[in-house]
Amino acid sequence: MSGEAEKGAPVQRDLRTSDAERQAVVRRLERALRDGRLTVLEFDERTRAAYAARTRGELEDLTEDLPPDLW
């Protein structure tokens, strides 16, 4: 997550996250693994954290060191 919602509004970090948002983060982590940006261990740790995340901020933290999702 890039810190902004789809329509440009800032992400409210304390809002509860949805299953769809968790899945979107896991897909982004999968791309980062394929691209060589994450090790298998990092991917495993972040994926577990994504499924355990309760807030949007927790999800955002998992991808803050990855480049923006361009596709």
PDB file of N, CA and C in Angstrom:
ATOM      1  N   MET A   1       0.847  -1.157   0.000  1.00  0.00           N
ATOM      2  CA  MET A   1       0.000   0.000   0.000  1.00  0.00           C
ATOM      3  C   MET A   1       0.897   1.225   0.000  1.00  0.00           C
ATOM      4  N   SER A   2       0.470   2.180  -0.718  1.00  0.00           N
ATOM      5  CA  SER A   2       1.370   3.294  -0.962  1.00  0.00           C
ATOM      6  C   SER A   2       1.192   4.456  -0.003  1.00  0.00           C
ATOM      7  N   GLY A   3       0.349   4.305   1.006  1.00  0.00           N
ATOM      8  CA  GLY A   3       0.111   5.427   1.881  1.00  0.00           C
ATOM      9  C   GLY A   3      -1.077   6.252   1.428  1.00  0.00           C
ATOM     10  N   GLU A   4      -1.620   5.913   0.268  1.00  0.00           N
ATOM     11  CA  GLU A   4      -2.789   6.616  -0.233  1.00  0.00           C
ATOM     12  C   GLU A   4      -3.794   5.603  -0.743  1.00  0.00           C
ATOM     13  N   ALA A   5      -5.044   5.887  -0.545  1.00  0.00           N
ATOM     14  CA  ALA A   5      -6.105   5.043  -1.048  1.00  0.00           C
ATOM     15  C   ALA A   5      -6.210   5.212  -2.557  1.00  0.00           C
ATOM     16  N   GLU A   6      -7.030   4.406  -3.189  1.00  0.00           N
ATOM     17  CA  GLU A   6      -7.161   4.431  -4.637  1.00  0.00           C
ATOM     18  C   GLU A   6      -7.438   5.811  -5.199  1.00  0.00           C
ATOM     19  N   LYS A   7      -8.256   6.600  -4.555  1.00  0.00           N
ATOM     20  CA  LYS A   7      -8.642   7.897  -5.108  1.00  0.00           C
ATOM     21  C   LYS A   7      -7.788   9.038  -4.578  1.00  0.00           C
ATOM     22  N   GLY A   8      -6.618   8.752  -4.018  1.00  0.00           N
ATOM     23  CA  GLY A   8      -5.705   9.785  -3.596  1.00  0.00           C
ATOM     24  C   GLY A   8      -5.855  10.253  -2.168  1.00  0.00           C
ATOM     25  N   ALA A   9      -6.848   9.765  -1.450  1.00  0.00           N
ATOM     26  CA  ALA A   9      -7.021  10.158  -0.049  1.00  0.00           C
ATOM     27  C   ALA A   9      -6.008   9.414   0.814  1.00  0.00           C
ATOM     28  N   PRO A  10      -5.490  10.032   1.851  1.00  0.00           N
ATOM     29  CA  PRO A  10      -4.530   9.358   2.722  1.00  0.00           C
ATOM     30  C   PRO A  10      -5.161   8.124   3.386  1.00  0.00           C
ATOM     31  N   VAL A  11      -4.347   7.093   3.538  1.00  0.00           N
ATOM     32  CA  VAL A  11      -4.793   5.888   4.233  1.00  0.00           C
ATOM     33  C   VAL A  11      -4.917   6.202   5.717  1.00  0.00           C
ATOM     34  N   GLN A  12      -6.008   5.798   6.302  1.00  0.00           N
ATOM     35  CA  GLN A  12      -6.175   5.967   7.744  1.00  0.00           C
ATOM     36  C   GLN A  12      -5.619   4.712   8.395  1.00  0.00           C
ATOM     37  N   ARG A  13      -4.427   4.850   8.961  1.00  0.00           N
ATOM     38  CA  ARG A  13      -3.660   3.719   9.452  1.00  0.00           C
ATOM     39  C   ARG A  13      -4.365   2.918  10.537  1.00  0.00           C
ATOM     40  N   ASP A  14      -5.271   3.526  11.260  1.00  0.00           N
ATOM     41  CA  ASP A  14      -5.905   2.805  12.366  1.00  0.00           C
ATOM     42  C   ASP A  14      -7.223   2.135  11.976  1.00  0.00           C
ATOM     43  N   LEU A  15      -7.640   2.268  10.711  1.00  0.00           N
ATOM     44  CA  LEU A  15      -8.852   1.597  10.264  1.00  0.00           C
ATOM     45  C   LEU A  15      -8.619   0.096  10.141  1.00  0.00           C
ATOM     46  N   ARG A  16      -9.629  -0.674  10.473  1.00  0.00           N
ATOM     47  CA  ARG A  16      -9.538  -2.127  10.340  1.00  0.00           C
ATOM     48  C   ARG A  16      -9.366  -2.482   8.869  1.00  0.00           C
ATOM     49  N   THR A  17      -8.571  -3.520   8.616  1.00  0.00           N
ATOM     50  CA  THR A  17      -8.319  -3.960   7.249  1.00  0.00           C
ATOM     51  C   THR A  17      -9.291  -5.066   6.863  1.00  0.00           C
ATOM     52  N   SER A  18      -9.419  -5.286   5.574  1.00  0.00           N
ATOM     53  CA  SER A  18     -10.309  -6.333   5.067  1.00  0.00           C
ATOM     54  C   SER A  18      -9.492  -7.496   4.524  1.00  0.00           C
ATOM     55  N   ASP A  19     -10.174  -8.607   4.292  1.00  0.00           N
ATOM     56  CA  ASP A  19      -9.506  -9.761   3.687  1.00  0.00           C
ATOM     57  C   ASP A  19      -8.970  -9.405   2.297  1.00  0.00           C
ATOM     58  N   ALA A  20      -9.726  -8.616   1.551  1.00  0.00           N
ATOM     59  CA  ALA A  20      -9.289  -8.216   0.209  1.00  0.00           C
ATOM     60  C   ALA A  20      -8.004  -7.384   0.276  1.00  0.00           C
ATOM     61  N   GLU A  21      -7.898  -6.498   1.262  1.00  0.00           N
ATOM     62  CA  GLU A  21      -6.677  -5.691   1.414  1.00  0.00           C
ATOM     63  C   GLU A  21      -5.500  -6.577   1.809  1.00  0.00           C
ATOM     64  N   ARG A  22      -5.740  -7.548   2.664  1.00  0.00           N
ATOM     65  CA  ARG A  22      -4.665  -8.489   3.036  1.00  0.00           C
ATOM     66  C   ARG A  22      -4.181  -9.255   1.806  1.00  0.00           C
ATOM     67  N   GLN A  23      -5.129  -9.737   1.002  1.00  0.00           N
ATOM     68  CA  GLN A  23      -4.770 -10.483  -0.205  1.00  0.00           C
ATOM     69  C   GLN A  23      -3.983  -9.613  -1.188  1.00  0.00           C
ATOM     70  N   ALA A  24      -4.348  -8.354  -1.324  1.00  0.00           N
ATOM     71  CA  ALA A  24      -3.628  -7.447  -2.223  1.00  0.00           C
ATOM     72  C   ALA A  24      -2.175  -7.275  -1.777  1.00  0.00           C
ATOM     73  N   VAL A  25      -1.962  -7.178  -0.478  1.00  0.00           N
ATOM     74  CA  VAL A  25      -0.595  -7.048   0.039  1.00  0.00           C
ATOM     75  C   VAL A  25       0.183  -8.330  -0.212  1.00  0.00           C
ATOM     76  N   VAL A  26      -0.441  -9.471  -0.007  1.00  0.00           N
ATOM     77  CA  VAL A  26       0.250 -10.753  -0.250  1.00  0.00           C
ATOM     78  C   VAL A  26       0.627 -10.867  -1.729  1.00  0.00           C
ATOM     79  N   ARG A  27      -0.245 -10.451  -2.639  1.00  0.00           N
ATOM     80  CA  ARG A  27       0.104 -10.472  -4.069  1.00  0.00           C
ATOM     81  C   ARG A  27       1.290  -9.563  -4.357  1.00  0.00           C
ATOM     82  N   ARG A  28       1.324  -8.415  -3.709  1.00  0.00           N
ATOM     83  CA  ARG A  28       2.467  -7.500  -3.898  1.00  0.00           C
ATOM     84  C   ARG A  28       3.755  -8.130  -3.362  1.00  0.00           C
ATOM     85  N   LEU A  29       3.662  -8.802  -2.226  1.00  0.00           N
ATOM     86  CA  LEU A  29       4.825  -9.484  -1.670  1.00  0.00           C
ATOM     87  C   LEU A  29       5.288 -10.621  -2.593  1.00  0.00           C
ATOM     88  N   GLU A  30       4.345 -11.312  -3.213  1.00  0.00           N
ATOM     89  CA  GLU A  30       4.698 -12.371  -4.165  1.00  0.00           C
ATOM     90  C   GLU A  30       5.479 -11.804  -5.340  1.00  0.00           C
ATOM     91  N   ARG A  31       5.036 -10.651  -5.848  1.00  0.00           N
ATOM     92  CA  ARG A  31       5.779 -10.008  -6.950  1.00  0.00           C
ATOM     93  C   ARG A  31       7.182  -9.604  -6.493  1.00  0.00           C
ATOM     94  N   ALA A  32       7.285  -9.082  -5.287  1.00  0.00           N
ATOM     95  CA  ALA A  32       8.599  -8.683  -4.767  1.00  0.00           C
ATOM     96  C   ALA A  32       9.516  -9.898  -4.620  1.00  0.00           C
ATOM     97  N   LEU A  33       8.972 -11.013  -4.210  1.00  0.00           N
ATOM     98  CA  LEU A  33       9.763 -12.246  -4.115  1.00  0.00           C
ATOM     99  C   LEU A  33      10.226 -12.671  -5.500  1.00  0.00           C
ATOM    100  N   ARG A  34       9.319 -12.685  -6.460  1.00  0.00           N
ATOM    101  CA  ARG A  34       9.672 -13.065  -7.839  1.00  0.00           C
ATOM    102  C   ARG A  34      10.736 -12.151  -8.421  1.00  0.00           C
ATOM    103  N   ASP A  35      10.658 -10.862  -8.083  1.00  0.00           N
ATOM    104  CA  ASP A  35      11.618  -9.878  -8.608  1.00  0.00           C
ATOM    105  C   ASP A  35      12.959  -9.910  -7.875  1.00  0.00           C
ATOM    106  N   GLY A  36      13.047 -10.693  -6.822  1.00  0.00           N
ATOM    107  CA  GLY A  36      14.293 -10.781  -6.067  1.00  0.00           C
ATOM    108  C   GLY A  36      14.464  -9.681  -5.032  1.00  0.00           C
ATOM    109  N   ARG A  37      13.403  -8.973  -4.717  1.00  0.00           N
ATOM    110  CA  ARG A  37      13.479  -7.892  -3.731  1.00  0.00           C
ATOM    111  C   ARG A  37      13.359  -8.408  -2.305  1.00  0.00           C
ATOM    112  N   LEU A  38      12.785  -9.601  -2.136  1.00  0.00           N
ATOM    113  CA  LEU A  38      12.647 -10.228  -0.819  1.00  0.00           C
ATOM    114  C   LEU A  38      13.242 -11.626  -0.863  1.00  0.00           C
ATOM    115  N   THR A  39      13.805 -12.050   0.250  1.00  0.00           N
ATOM    116  CA  THR A  39      14.231 -13.441   0.366  1.00  0.00           C
ATOM    117  C   THR A  39      12.999 -14.279   0.714  1.00  0.00           C
ATOM    118  N   VAL A  40      13.144 -15.582   0.614  1.00  0.00           N
ATOM    119  CA  VAL A  40      12.036 -16.468   0.967  1.00  0.00           C
ATOM    120  C   VAL A  40      11.668 -16.278   2.438  1.00  0.00           C
ATOM    121  N   LEU A  41      12.653 -16.116   3.291  1.00  0.00           N
ATOM    122  CA  LEU A  41      12.392 -15.904   4.718  1.00  0.00           C
ATOM    123  C   LEU A  41      11.631 -14.595   4.948  1.00  0.00           C
ATOM    124  N   GLU A  42      12.061 -13.513   4.292  1.00  0.00           N
ATOM    125  CA  GLU A  42      11.356 -12.238   4.430  1.00  0.00           C
ATOM    126  C   GLU A  42       9.917 -12.351   3.925  1.00  0.00           C
ATOM    127  N   PHE A  43       9.754 -13.022   2.787  1.00  0.00           N
ATOM    128  CA  PHE A  43       8.420 -13.218   2.234  1.00  0.00           C
ATOM    129  C   PHE A  43       7.537 -13.980   3.214  1.00  0.00           C
ATOM    130  N   ASP A  44       8.060 -15.048   3.780  1.00  0.00           N
ATOM    131  CA  ASP A  44       7.297 -15.853   4.736  1.00  0.00           C
ATOM    132  C   ASP A  44       6.888 -15.021   5.953  1.00  0.00           C
ATOM    133  N   GLU A  45       7.830 -14.279   6.506  1.00  0.00           N
ATOM    134  CA  GLU A  45       7.540 -13.452   7.685  1.00  0.00           C
ATOM    135  C   GLU A  45       6.490 -12.386   7.375  1.00  0.00           C
ATOM    136  N   ARG A  46       6.637 -11.723   6.242  1.00  0.00           N
ATOM    137  CA  ARG A  46       5.706 -10.650   5.895  1.00  0.00           C
ATOM    138  C   ARG A  46       4.325 -11.198   5.531  1.00  0.00           C
ATOM    139  N   THR A  47       4.297 -12.350   4.889  1.00  0.00           N
ATOM    140  CA  THR A  47       3.011 -12.953   4.549  1.00  0.00           C
ATOM    141  C   THR A  47       2.248 -13.326   5.810  1.00  0.00           C
ATOM    142  N   ARG A  48       2.934 -13.918   6.765  1.00  0.00           N
ATOM    143  CA  ARG A  48       2.289 -14.253   8.042  1.00  0.00           C
ATOM    144  C   ARG A  48       1.763 -12.989   8.725  1.00  0.00           C
ATOM    145  N   ALA A  49       2.579 -11.946   8.689  1.00  0.00           N
ATOM    146  CA  ALA A  49       2.171 -10.684   9.315  1.00  0.00           C
ATOM    147  C   ALA A  49       0.973 -10.066   8.581  1.00  0.00           C
ATOM    148  N   ALA A  50       0.938 -10.211   7.256  1.00  0.00           N
ATOM    149  CA  ALA A  50      -0.192  -9.665   6.482  1.00  0.00           C
ATOM    150  C   ALA A  50      -1.492 -10.351   6.879  1.00  0.00           C
ATOM    151  N   TYR A  51      -1.461 -11.663   6.999  1.00  0.00           N
ATOM    152  CA  TYR A  51      -2.678 -12.383   7.370  1.00  0.00           C
ATOM    153  C   TYR A  51      -3.087 -12.106   8.817  1.00  0.00           C
ATOM    154  N   ALA A  52      -2.142 -11.718   9.651  1.00  0.00           N
ATOM    155  CA  ALA A  52      -2.446 -11.406  11.052  1.00  0.00           C
ATOM    156  C   ALA A  52      -2.804  -9.930  11.264  1.00  0.00           C
ATOM    157  N   ALA A  53      -2.576  -9.096  10.249  1.00  0.00           N
ATOM    158  CA  ALA A  53      -2.785  -7.649  10.386  1.00  0.00           C
ATOM    159  C   ALA A  53      -4.240  -7.335  10.701  1.00  0.00           C
ATOM    160  N   ARG A  54      -4.404  -6.360  11.584  1.00  0.00           N
ATOM    161  CA  ARG A  54      -5.741  -5.895  11.944  1.00  0.00           C
ATOM    162  C   ARG A  54      -6.045  -4.516  11.374  1.00  0.00           C
ATOM    163  N   THR A  55      -4.999  -3.731  11.101  1.00  0.00           N
ATOM    164  CA  THR A  55      -5.213  -2.365  10.617  1.00  0.00           C
ATOM    165  C   THR A  55      -4.500  -2.140   9.284  1.00  0.00           C
ATOM    166  N   ARG A  56      -4.955  -1.105   8.589  1.00  0.00           N
ATOM    167  CA  ARG A  56      -4.314  -0.738   7.329  1.00  0.00           C
ATOM    168  C   ARG A  56      -2.863  -0.314   7.546  1.00  0.00           C
ATOM    169  N   GLY A  57      -2.594   0.315   8.658  1.00  0.00           N
ATOM    170  CA  GLY A  57      -1.222   0.731   8.953  1.00  0.00           C
ATOM    171  C   GLY A  57      -0.276  -0.443   9.077  1.00  0.00           C
ATOM    172  N   GLU A  58      -0.740  -1.508   9.702  1.00  0.00           N
ATOM    173  CA  GLU A  58       0.095  -2.715   9.813  1.00  0.00           C
ATOM    174  C   GLU A  58       0.417  -3.263   8.424  1.00  0.00           C
ATOM    175  N   LEU A  59      -0.555  -3.249   7.530  1.00  0.00           N
ATOM    176  CA  LEU A  59      -0.309  -3.720   6.161  1.00  0.00           C
ATOM    177  C   LEU A  59       0.652  -2.792   5.430  1.00  0.00           C
ATOM    178  N   GLU A  60       0.446  -1.505   5.588  1.00  0.00           N
ATOM    179  CA  GLU A  60       1.302  -0.531   4.915  1.00  0.00           C
ATOM    180  C   GLU A  60       2.768  -0.712   5.320  1.00  0.00           C
ATOM    181  N   ASP A  61       3.000  -0.998   6.583  1.00  0.00           N
ATOM    182  CA  ASP A  61       4.371  -1.179   7.077  1.00  0.00           C
ATOM    183  C   ASP A  61       5.085  -2.342   6.388  1.00  0.00           C
ATOM    184  N   LEU A  62       4.338  -3.336   5.921  1.00  0.00           N
ATOM    185  CA  LEU A  62       4.931  -4.527   5.307  1.00  0.00           C
ATOM    186  C   LEU A  62       5.486  -4.259   3.917  1.00  0.00           C
ATOM    187  N   THR A  63       5.061  -3.162   3.298  1.00  0.00           N
ATOM    188  CA  THR A  63       5.512  -2.881   1.933  1.00  0.00           C
ATOM    189  C   THR A  63       6.186  -1.514   1.792  1.00  0.00           C
ATOM    190  N   GLU A  64       6.423  -0.827   2.905  1.00  0.00           N
ATOM    191  CA  GLU A  64       6.964   0.534   2.816  1.00  0.00           C
ATOM    192  C   GLU A  64       8.354   0.601   2.203  1.00  0.00           C
ATOM    193  N   ASP A  65       9.121  -0.496   2.252  1.00  0.00           N
ATOM    194  CA  ASP A  65      10.464  -0.483   1.673  1.00  0.00           C
ATOM    195  C   ASP A  65      10.496  -1.052   0.253  1.00  0.00           C
ATOM    196  N   LEU A  66       9.321  -1.289  -0.322  1.00  0.00           N
ATOM    197  CA  LEU A  66       9.243  -1.790  -1.688  1.00  0.00           C
ATOM    198  C   LEU A  66       8.881  -0.641  -2.633  1.00  0.00           C
ATOM    199  N   PRO A  67       9.322  -0.712  -3.885  1.00  0.00           N
ATOM    200  CA  PRO A  67       8.960   0.353  -4.821  1.00  0.00           C
ATOM    201  C   PRO A  67       7.447   0.359  -5.054  1.00  0.00           C
ATOM    202  N   PRO A  68       6.908   1.469  -5.532  1.00  0.00           N
ATOM    203  CA  PRO A  68       5.466   1.534  -5.798  1.00  0.00           C
ATOM    204  C   PRO A  68       5.043   0.442  -6.767  1.00  0.00           C
ATOM    205  N   ASP A  69       3.847  -0.040  -6.582  1.00  0.00           N
ATOM    206  CA  ASP A  69       3.286  -1.055  -7.448  1.00  0.00           C
ATOM    207  C   ASP A  69       2.858  -0.388  -8.739  1.00  0.00           C
ATOM    208  N   LEU A  70       3.531  -0.695  -9.820  1.00  0.00           N
ATOM    209  CA  LEU A  70       3.278   0.009 -11.082  1.00  0.00           C
ATOM    210  C   LEU A  70       2.340  -0.749 -12.014  1.00  0.00           C
ATOM    211  N   TRP A  71       2.027  -2.021 -11.683  1.00  0.00           N
ATOM    212  CA  TRP A  71       1.144  -2.766 -12.577  1.00  0.00           C
ATOM    213  C   TRP A  71       0.046  -3.393 -11.869  1.00  0.00           C
TER     214      TRP A  71
END
